[in-house]
Structures are given as C-alpha cells and as structure tokens.
Amino acid sequence: MNQIGAFVGGVGLFLLGMRLMTAGLRMAAGDALRHILGQWTHTTRRGLFAGFLITALVQSSGAVTVATIGFVNAGLLTLAQSIGVIYGSNVGTTMTGWLVVLVGFQVDIQALSLPFVGVGAALNLLGRGRSAALGEALAGFGLFFLGIGVLKDTFGGLGQAVPIQELTHSGILGTLVFVGIGFVLTMLTQSSSAALIVVLTAAAGGLVPLQAAAAAVIGANVGTTSTAALAVIGATANAKRVAAAHVTFNVVLAAVAAILLPVLLAAVVAAVQAVGLEPGPATYLAVFHTTVKLLGVALFLPLTPRLVRWLEGHFQDPVEDVPRPHYLDKNVLATPVLAIDALALELARIGGVARTMAREALSTEGADNRQLELDYQTVKTLVRAVEEFCTSLQKTELPADIAEILPNMLRIARYYHNVADMALKVAQMQEALEPIEDPALAEVRARFRGDAVRLLAVADPLKPDYQESASEAGLQVMEGDYQAVKAQLLRAGAEGRIKVRQMVSYLDEHSIMRRMLEQTAKGAQYLGQVWTVVARYRHENQPEAGAANGAMPN
C-alpha cells in the first residue's frame, strides 16, 4: 500500500508540475508562441521546426496544437502548414524523455527540485505579470522533478519485489499487451509525457523489460490521439482536420514501429554504444522514442500534399454555411490572443450578414422576407455564440489590452443583432404599407434610400479603404435625408395628400431605418477599433509570402 500510494503521489506531483510549468511558460512567453507560429511557418518544413521548438520550450504539445488550430481558423496558416507544426510538435515531445535522462537520473533530484519550488513560489506570490508566470513555471519545474524522484524510488523497490519479467509474453502478444498499457496510461493521465515518465522510471528500476517498455512508449504515442479527439468534439471543421492529421500520424506510426520493434531496438542499442552515451534502459528508451518520431516525419513529409487533400475531402462540415460559428473554437480559449482573433472574425461575419439584411430591407424592389428571416436566425444564433464565448473567455487570465476590448466585442454583437432585427421589421412593415403616388415624397424617399445604401457600403471596417470619418459623414447625410422625408410626410399628411394612417406608418418605417443605419455605423466604429488591435498583432506576426490569406471575410 505504501508503494501504491507513492506511485500515485509521484504521478500526481509530476502532472501538477507539468501543468504549472506549461501554464507559466505560456504566460511568461507572452506573444512569443504566436510570433514563432506566425513567422516560422512559411513552408511545411519550417512549420515542423516551429512546432518542435515551441513544444520543446513549453513542454506541451497540447498548447501548440491549440494555437495551431486557432491560426488555421483565423486564416493565418494553411492546413499544410499546420500539419508541419503537428509533425514538429510530435518530435518536440521527445524532449521530456531527454530531460529525465540527462537531468533526472544524473543529479540529486531533491537538491535540484526544492530550490526551484521555493524560488518559484516566492516569485509567483510577490511578482506580477510575467515574473509571476515565470515563478509558476519554476515551481512546476521543481514539482516535475520531485515526482520523478518519487517514481524512481517506488519502481526501484518494486523491481525487486515483483517478478514482472516472468509475467511478460514474448512475440506479438507481449508487444500488444504493453502497447495497450501505454495507451491506457496516457488515457488516464491525459498526458503522454506522464505515461512516458512512468515507463522510463519503471524500466530504469528494473520493473519492465526493455522491449516491453518500448512497446508501452508506442502505446503512449497512440494515447495522445485521445486528447485531440476529445478536444474537437463540437469544434469547427478546421479543428477536426488538424486533429485528424495528429491522429493519422500517430496511429500509422505506431503500427510501423510495432512491426519493426526488434529491428529498431537493436539499432538503438548499437547507436547508443557507438556515440558513447551512457547505456541503460532510460537512455535506450529516449533514443527509441526520438527515432520513432523522426521515422514518422520521414514517412509522412513526402506524403503531406496527399494527406491535405484527403483531409479536405473527408472532413468537410456539411453545415458550415448554416447558423453556427465558423471561428469560435473552445480550443483557442487557452490562448487569449487567438481567442480575440476568432471573435473578431465571427463578428465580421455577423456584420456582413447584418449589412446584407439592411441592404435587402432598403431595396425598392421589395425584400425577400423568407431569406431575411433565415438571415435573422443566423445572426441571432451567432450573437448568442459570441456572448457565450466571451463569458468563457472572461474566466481565463486575460492580458490587459485584451480585457479592455472584450466589452466592445459584446457591444458590437448587440449592435449587429439590432440591425438584423430592425431590417426584418422594415421588410415586414413594407408588405403592409399602402403605396404613395406623391412625386415629392417619392423623390426624397429615393434619395434617403440611395444615401442609406452608400452608408452601408462605407460602414465596413474590413475594407482596405475604410475610414471612420466617411462613415460619420454618411450618417450626417442620412440624417439630413431623414429630416427631409419626415418634413415631407408631415406636410403631405397635413395637406391631405396622404392619409394620416399612411403618414404615421411611413414615419415609423423611416424612424426604424434611421436607427438601423445608426446601429450599423456604431458597430462598424467599434469593430474598426477592435480590428486595429487584431491587425497590429497580425502585422507583427504575419507569416511570410506563401502563408494563408489573413484578411477577415465579410
């Protein structure tokens, strides 16, 4: 029971350390992850290097995968570039094993880890911003090695007490058993790094034979796919494609590695002896893990174009164009800058639908009310999704500049919802309005509608030539037109040229049109301010020529 408790505690310390270290490093790095992904993914091969580097630094392939999904959703990375990052992230996970081999088995772990915990806790409690995040990472680093130390001691005792080598099967059955054990370990801990550490320390303690431990490493690699599969439930089609690439890479590679297991292990042992590394189960497994991942890259890299075509053909979202978010993905909530990107994209999409509805409502040929009702439901659904996404985002640790613009995101959503609502009302009112034959009224109403359509055209903050002053000038012109229509309607009613009932109905119609246009201009103004922040990030981190188009769609 003591050894079971020590095992559970060691795994818990390791997992807690990994979580703190990853979260702290990601916060301390600020926009570094975004910058590297933005600048270093010009080709699939460069994306591979970027994925490897970031995963090696933050010790979390999950964080890299989430950021990659966000970049694909935001249109800053193509699927081919994101797959390169996935390859590199898989190779980067091997650094955990090397960290354990080169540090965890070579130094006094307690002497190394406790100072890190103490210094890190002090920084986290006393510091602010990045210094506090760095303290969290240091404390996590210390707990990480404390957990390894506990596992080393636990497996050292178990290796003498449990004759597990006598219980293992030879041949394919034994390989499959330990592949399954590695898979289950990763499923339970939701961390391939945790499963790998358990296997490394068990092998180093003499509890597990080398070939069985290598099979468990293969299983742990397959187990990482469960995290990706769970992460994209209900996610966007782009997220599913990235996750499918991750699953395909690891499952195919596991099958190849299992078949070639004896050959690969023999080559690993020979290579370790040839280069003069210290022989031992942990070293052999670290080299084996790295060799398997590099083999996977060598196999998949030439096949990437075919993989991309296959993913695009088999992971299409059949309801991508119906009322559901295209860009709001729960996976990007962990990276606030990417979450703001996603919100800006979705708001731009809502604004485009709302402006289309407003133009249709202003049409002199009569609006298609059925289509307007469908568009209104789209806007209503998307606005609700934006509000829920903002609520989830508010629960995360937000940088100051992002926290400041988040209320404006909600304000923009409400403006565009109001525009859609009033456009539908105007269209419905026009069906019941009695036509007016008065020439003077027809002239001012036509001028009002024409200037209103021009205002809708300039109130699009995503156009390269957008200027807030042009939108304000359009509002002033529209206000003058409105007052002219109002005066003509009142005069016509007073002179008996139209019925009073008609006058009131047309006054109500134009009043709603006026508010609809005002709300459109306000939405454009605030979205323009938000887009300025997003565009600054994009300009600083825009991929070089050949990257995906970063312009936001209407």
Foldseek 3Di string as FASTA:
>chain_A
DVLVVLLVVLLVLQLLLLVLQLLLQVQLCPCVLLQQLFAQQLDLQSLLQSLLVVCLRSVDNLLNLLVLLLCVLLQQFPLSSSLSSLLNVLLNNLNLLVCCVVPLPPDDLLVPQPVLLVQLVVQLVPHDGSSNSVSSSSNSVSSNSVSLVSLLVSLLVVLVVDPVVVVADDDPVSLVVLLQVLLVVCLVSVDLSSSLSNLLSNQQSNNDPLLSSLSSNLSSQLNNLVNLVVQCVVFALSSVLSSVSSNVLSVVLSVVCSVCVVVLLVVLQVVCVVVVHDDGSSSSSSSSSSVSSVVSCVVCVVVSVVSSVVSVVPRHDPCCPAQDQNQQGPSNLSPLLSNLSSLLLLLLVLLVLLLVLLLQLLDPVAHPLVVLVRSLVSLVSSLVVSVVSLVSSVVDDDDPVSVVLSVLSNLLSVLSNLSSVLSSVSRVLVVVADDAPDPQLVVLSVVLSVLLNVLSVQLNLLDPPRDLVVNVVSLVSNVVSLVSNLVVLVVCCVVVSDPPVNSVSVNVSSVSSSSSSVSSSVSSVSSNVSVVVSVVSCVSNHYPPNGGDSRRDD
